[in-house]
C-alpha atoms as a PDB file:
ATOM      1  CA  MET A   1       0.000   0.000   0.000  1.00  0.00           C
ATOM      2  CA  ILE A   2       2.714   2.494   0.958  1.00  0.00           C
ATOM      3  CA  ASP A   3       4.723   1.707  -2.170  1.00  0.00           C
ATOM      4  CA  SER A   4       1.732   2.673  -4.307  1.00  0.00           C
ATOM      5  CA  PHE A   5       2.484   6.325  -3.475  1.00  0.00           C
ATOM      6  CA  ALA A   6       5.981   5.897  -4.890  1.00  0.00           C
ATOM      7  CA  TYR A   7       4.616   4.336  -8.074  1.00  0.00           C
ATOM      8  CA  LEU A   8       2.058   7.126  -8.366  1.00  0.00           C
ATOM      9  CA  ALA A   9       4.839   9.690  -7.939  1.00  0.00           C
ATOM     10  CA  ILE A  10       6.882   8.042 -10.679  1.00  0.00           C
ATOM     11  CA  ALA A  11       3.892   7.929 -13.038  1.00  0.00           C
ATOM     12  CA  THR A  12       2.939  11.576 -12.486  1.00  0.00           C
ATOM     13  CA  GLY A  13       6.570  12.638 -12.769  1.00  0.00           C
ATOM     14  CA  LEU A  14       6.881  10.881 -16.109  1.00  0.00           C
ATOM     15  CA  TYR A  15       3.634  12.449 -17.257  1.00  0.00           C
ATOM     16  CA  ALA A  16       4.908  15.868 -16.128  1.00  0.00           C
ATOM     17  CA  ILE A  17       7.986  15.709 -18.342  1.00  0.00           C
ATOM     18  CA  SER A  18       5.777  14.971 -21.343  1.00  0.00           C
ATOM     19  CA  LYS A  19       4.106  18.370 -21.013  1.00  0.00           C
ATOM     20  CA  LYS A  20       5.176  21.131 -23.389  1.00  0.00           C
ATOM     21  CA  LYS A  21       3.888  24.081 -21.373  1.00  0.00           C
ATOM     22  CA  MET A  22       5.912  25.032 -18.323  1.00  0.00           C
ATOM     23  CA  LEU A  23       2.901  25.712 -16.086  1.00  0.00           C
ATOM     24  CA  SER A  24       1.431  22.308 -16.849  1.00  0.00           C
ATOM     25  CA  PHE A  25       4.811  20.689 -16.181  1.00  0.00           C
ATOM     26  CA  ARG A  26       5.139  22.449 -12.833  1.00  0.00           C
ATOM     27  CA  LEU A  27       1.621  21.549 -11.696  1.00  0.00           C
ATOM     28  CA  TRP A  28       2.017  17.877 -12.615  1.00  0.00           C
ATOM     29  CA  HIS A  29       5.445  17.757 -10.994  1.00  0.00           C
ATOM     30  CA  ILE A  30       3.966  19.249  -7.817  1.00  0.00           C
ATOM     31  CA  ALA A  31       1.435  16.387  -7.854  1.00  0.00           C
ATOM     32  CA  SER A  32       4.364  13.992  -8.161  1.00  0.00           C
ATOM     33  CA  CYS A  33       6.132  15.709  -5.269  1.00  0.00           C
ATOM     34  CA  VAL A  34       3.036  15.426  -3.070  1.00  0.00           C
ATOM     35  CA  SER A  35       3.017  11.677  -3.696  1.00  0.00           C
ATOM     36  CA  TYR A  36       6.709  11.525  -2.790  1.00  0.00           C
ATOM     37  CA  ILE A  37       6.036  13.544   0.378  1.00  0.00           C
ATOM     38  CA  ILE A  38       3.277  11.144   1.432  1.00  0.00           C
ATOM     39  CA  TYR A  39       5.552   8.194   0.642  1.00  0.00           C
ATOM     40  CA  GLY A  40       8.408   9.794   2.609  1.00  0.00           C
ATOM     41  CA  ILE A  41       6.168  10.285   5.632  1.00  0.00           C
ATOM     42  CA  LEU A  42       4.666   6.797   5.577  1.00  0.00           C
ATOM     43  CA  LYS A  43       7.878   4.860   4.852  1.00  0.00           C
ATOM     44  CA  PRO A  44       9.684   6.888   6.615  1.00  0.00           C
ATOM     45  CA  ALA A  45      12.267   8.045   4.067  1.00  0.00           C
ATOM     46  CA  THR A  46      13.649  11.416   5.103  1.00  0.00           C
ATOM     47  CA  PRO A  47      15.694  12.159   1.924  1.00  0.00           C
ATOM     48  CA  ILE A  48      12.645  11.564  -0.272  1.00  0.00           C
ATOM     49  CA  LEU A  49      10.493  13.697   2.022  1.00  0.00           C
ATOM     50  CA  ILE A  50      13.005  16.558   1.973  1.00  0.00           C
ATOM     51  CA  SER A  51      13.446  16.468  -1.807  1.00  0.00           C
ATOM     52  CA  GLY A  52       9.658  16.435  -2.334  1.00  0.00           C
ATOM     53  CA  ILE A  53       9.258  19.483  -0.115  1.00  0.00           C
ATOM     54  CA  LEU A  54      12.135  21.342  -1.786  1.00  0.00           C
ATOM     55  CA  PHE A  55      10.982  20.614  -5.343  1.00  0.00           C
ATOM     56  CA  SER A  56       7.428  21.648  -4.442  1.00  0.00           C
ATOM     57  CA  ALA A  57       8.653  24.893  -2.911  1.00  0.00           C
ATOM     58  CA  ILE A  58      10.740  25.701  -5.998  1.00  0.00           C
ATOM     59  CA  HIS A  59       7.834  25.006  -8.353  1.00  0.00           C
ATOM     60  CA  LEU A  60       5.392  27.023  -6.241  1.00  0.00           C
ATOM     61  CA  PHE A  61       7.828  29.951  -6.085  1.00  0.00           C
ATOM     62  CA  GLN A  62       8.321  29.885  -9.863  1.00  0.00           C
ATOM     63  CA  ILE A  63       4.557  29.797 -10.434  1.00  0.00           C
ATOM     64  CA  TYR A  64       4.163  32.701  -8.001  1.00  0.00           C
ATOM     65  CA  LYS A  65       6.834  34.697  -9.864  1.00  0.00           C
ATOM     66  CA  TRP A  66       5.209  33.953 -13.217  1.00  0.00           C
ATOM     67  CA  ARG A  67       1.765  34.983 -11.967  1.00  0.00           C
ATOM     68  CA  ARG A  68       3.136  38.316 -10.723  1.00  0.00           C
ATOM     69  CA  GLU A  69       4.612  39.051 -14.159  1.00  0.00           C
ATOM     70  CA  VAL A  70       1.372  38.322 -16.022  1.00  0.00           C
END
């Protein structure tokens, strides 16, 4: 059951890199990161948890910056 979050994260991450638009990529990669965060909490796997949080923060910051420019 716990490993299903890791497989979901892999699947959404692969789907994210297939996106041509940057916003779509970032949103799908955030979904992947959320799955990794859940997996990191349940496993527990601290490096995966930390990387999921950091990647999510970077994507959210970039989306925030983009929205301010538009």
